[in-house]
C-alpha atoms as a PDB file:
ATOM      1  CA  MET A   1     102.625 125.617  62.721  1.00  0.00           C
ATOM      2  CA  LEU A   2     101.457 124.002  65.892  1.00  0.00           C
ATOM      3  CA  HIS A   3     101.336 125.889  69.237  1.00  0.00           C
ATOM      4  CA  PRO A   4     102.585 124.604  71.463  1.00  0.00           C
ATOM      5  CA  SER A   5     105.305 122.934  69.341  1.00  0.00           C
ATOM      6  CA  TYR A   6     106.345 119.414  70.037  1.00  0.00           C
ATOM      7  CA  SER A   7     109.526 120.376  71.505  1.00  0.00           C
ATOM      8  CA  ASP A   8     107.835 122.596  73.808  1.00  0.00           C
ATOM      9  CA  LEU A   9     105.576 120.002  74.931  1.00  0.00           C
ATOM     10  CA  MET A  10     108.227 117.180  75.516  1.00  0.00           C
ATOM     11  CA  LYS A  11     110.256 119.834  77.646  1.00  0.00           C
ATOM     12  CA  VAL A  12     106.780 120.230  79.953  1.00  0.00           C
ATOM     13  CA  VAL A  13     106.704 116.499  80.101  1.00  0.00           C
ATOM     14  CA  ASN A  14     110.183 115.785  80.779  1.00  0.00           C
ATOM     15  CA  SER A  15     110.536 118.800  83.186  1.00  0.00           C
ATOM     16  CA  GLY A  16     110.728 116.441  86.480  1.00  0.00           C
ATOM     17  CA  VAL A  17     113.424 114.233  85.063  1.00  0.00           C
ATOM     18  CA  GLU A  18     116.563 114.716  86.730  1.00  0.00           C
ATOM     19  CA  GLU A  19     119.865 114.910  84.634  1.00  0.00           C
ATOM     20  CA  GLY A  20     121.078 111.696  83.586  1.00  0.00           C
ATOM     21  CA  GLU A  21     117.783 109.727  83.930  1.00  0.00           C
ATOM     22  CA  THR A  22     115.977 108.570  80.783  1.00  0.00           C
ATOM     23  CA  PRO A  23     113.343 111.000  79.484  1.00  0.00           C
ATOM     24  CA  VAL A  24     109.853 109.961  80.132  1.00  0.00           C
ATOM     25  CA  VAL A  25     109.190 111.216  76.273  1.00  0.00           C
ATOM     26  CA  ASN A  26     111.699 111.437  73.784  1.00  0.00           C
ATOM     27  CA  SER A  27     109.777 111.465  70.376  1.00  0.00           C
ATOM     28  CA  ARG A  28     107.031 113.018  68.767  1.00  0.00           C
ATOM     29  CA  TYR A  29     105.361 109.843  68.253  1.00  0.00           C
ATOM     30  CA  SER A  30     105.168 109.613  72.178  1.00  0.00           C
ATOM     31  CA  ILE A  31     103.540 113.175  72.341  1.00  0.00           C
ATOM     32  CA  VAL A  32     101.149 112.115  69.576  1.00  0.00           C
ATOM     33  CA  MET A  33     100.217 108.903  71.431  1.00  0.00           C
ATOM     34  CA  ALA A  34      99.671 110.714  74.833  1.00  0.00           C
ATOM     35  CA  THR A  35      97.538 113.221  73.378  1.00  0.00           C
ATOM     36  CA  ALA A  36      95.484 110.947  71.248  1.00  0.00           C
ATOM     37  CA  LYS A  37      94.723 108.710  74.292  1.00  0.00           C
ATOM     38  CA  ARG A  38      93.712 111.477  76.383  1.00  0.00           C
ATOM     39  CA  ALA A  39      91.365 112.910  73.908  1.00  0.00           C
ATOM     40  CA  ARG A  40      89.867 109.563  73.373  1.00  0.00           C
ATOM     41  CA  GLN A  41      89.304 109.520  77.306  1.00  0.00           C
ATOM     42  CA  ILE A  42      87.653 112.955  76.912  1.00  0.00           C
ATOM     43  CA  ILE A  43      85.395 111.632  74.118  1.00  0.00           C
ATOM     44  CA  ALA A  44      84.449 108.668  76.131  1.00  0.00           C
ATOM     45  CA  ARG A  45      83.646 110.921  79.194  1.00  0.00           C
ATOM     46  CA  GLN A  46      81.510 113.539  76.822  1.00  0.00           C
ATOM     47  CA  SER A  47      79.389 110.647  75.512  1.00  0.00           C
ATOM     48  CA  LYS A  48      78.639 109.443  79.164  1.00  0.00           C
ATOM     49  CA  GLY A  49      78.149 112.810  80.240  1.00  0.00           C
ATOM     50  CA  ASP A  50      80.696 112.731  83.213  1.00  0.00           C
ATOM     51  CA  LEU A  51      82.546 115.911  82.351  1.00  0.00           C
ATOM     52  CA  ASP A  52      82.626 118.383  85.088  1.00  0.00           C
ATOM     53  CA  VAL A  53      83.391 121.293  82.946  1.00  0.00           C
ATOM     54  CA  PRO A  54      81.962 121.837  79.539  1.00  0.00           C
ATOM     55  CA  VAL A  55      84.221 121.426  76.756  1.00  0.00           C
ATOM     56  CA  ILE A  56      84.555 124.614  74.514  1.00  0.00           C
ATOM     57  CA  SER A  57      87.178 123.228  72.283  1.00  0.00           C
ATOM     58  CA  LYS A  58      87.579 119.968  70.393  1.00  0.00           C
ATOM     59  CA  PRO A  59      88.810 116.983  72.550  1.00  0.00           C
ATOM     60  CA  LEU A  60      92.404 116.737  70.879  1.00  0.00           C
ATOM     61  CA  SER A  61      92.964 120.750  71.359  1.00  0.00           C
ATOM     62  CA  ARG A  62      91.861 120.392  75.149  1.00  0.00           C
ATOM     63  CA  ALA A  63      94.359 117.422  75.396  1.00  0.00           C
ATOM     64  CA  VAL A  64      96.978 119.419  74.106  1.00  0.00           C
ATOM     65  CA  GLU A  65      96.164 122.454  76.277  1.00  0.00           C
ATOM     66  CA  GLU A  66      96.234 120.003  79.447  1.00  0.00           C
ATOM     67  CA  LEU A  67      99.493 118.824  78.404  1.00  0.00           C
ATOM     68  CA  ALA A  68     101.440 121.933  77.702  1.00  0.00           C
ATOM     69  CA  ASP A  69      99.740 123.273  81.190  1.00  0.00           C
ATOM     70  CA  GLY A  70     101.302 120.490  82.946  1.00  0.00           C
ATOM     71  CA  GLU A  71      97.673 119.030  84.106  1.00  0.00           C
ATOM     72  CA  LEU A  72      98.487 115.968  82.035  1.00  0.00           C
ATOM     73  CA  LYS A  73     101.012 113.760  83.143  1.00  0.00           C
ATOM     74  CA  VAL A  74     102.665 110.994  80.802  1.00  0.00           C
ATOM     75  CA  LEU A  75     104.044 108.013  82.513  1.00  0.00           C
ATOM     76  CA  PRO A  76     106.785 105.802  81.155  1.00  0.00           C
ATOM     77  CA  GLU A  77     105.816 102.619  79.740  1.00  0.00           C
ATOM     78  CA  LYS A  78     106.726  99.656  82.110  1.00  0.00           C
ATOM     79  CA  LYS A  79     109.117  97.138  80.315  1.00  0.00           C
ATOM     80  CA  GLU A  80     107.967  93.433  80.904  1.00  0.00           C
ATOM     81  CA  GLU A  81     110.446  91.604  83.085  1.00  0.00           C
ATOM     82  CA  ASP A  82     111.415  88.296  82.514  1.00  0.00           C
ATOM     83  CA  GLU A  83     110.299  86.056  85.283  1.00  0.00           C
ATOM     84  CA  GLY A  84     112.004  83.027  84.417  1.00  0.00           C
END
């Protein structure tokens, strides 16, 4: 079992959403995509030597920890507007 769970992560990400508003994240897929994107950013920074704190854990584990701790903010995808 994963710790924290997907539902726990979704609660953290959606904690700032007012009642009646559309949640930022409403599927496991969104959580997976957000953490994978952050893990790729961490890997890229490691290869450049840009990390200010040495990485003890694996990049994906660190991304999940950042999301669970509220350090990582997931932004809703912008929908394309018709300009016609």
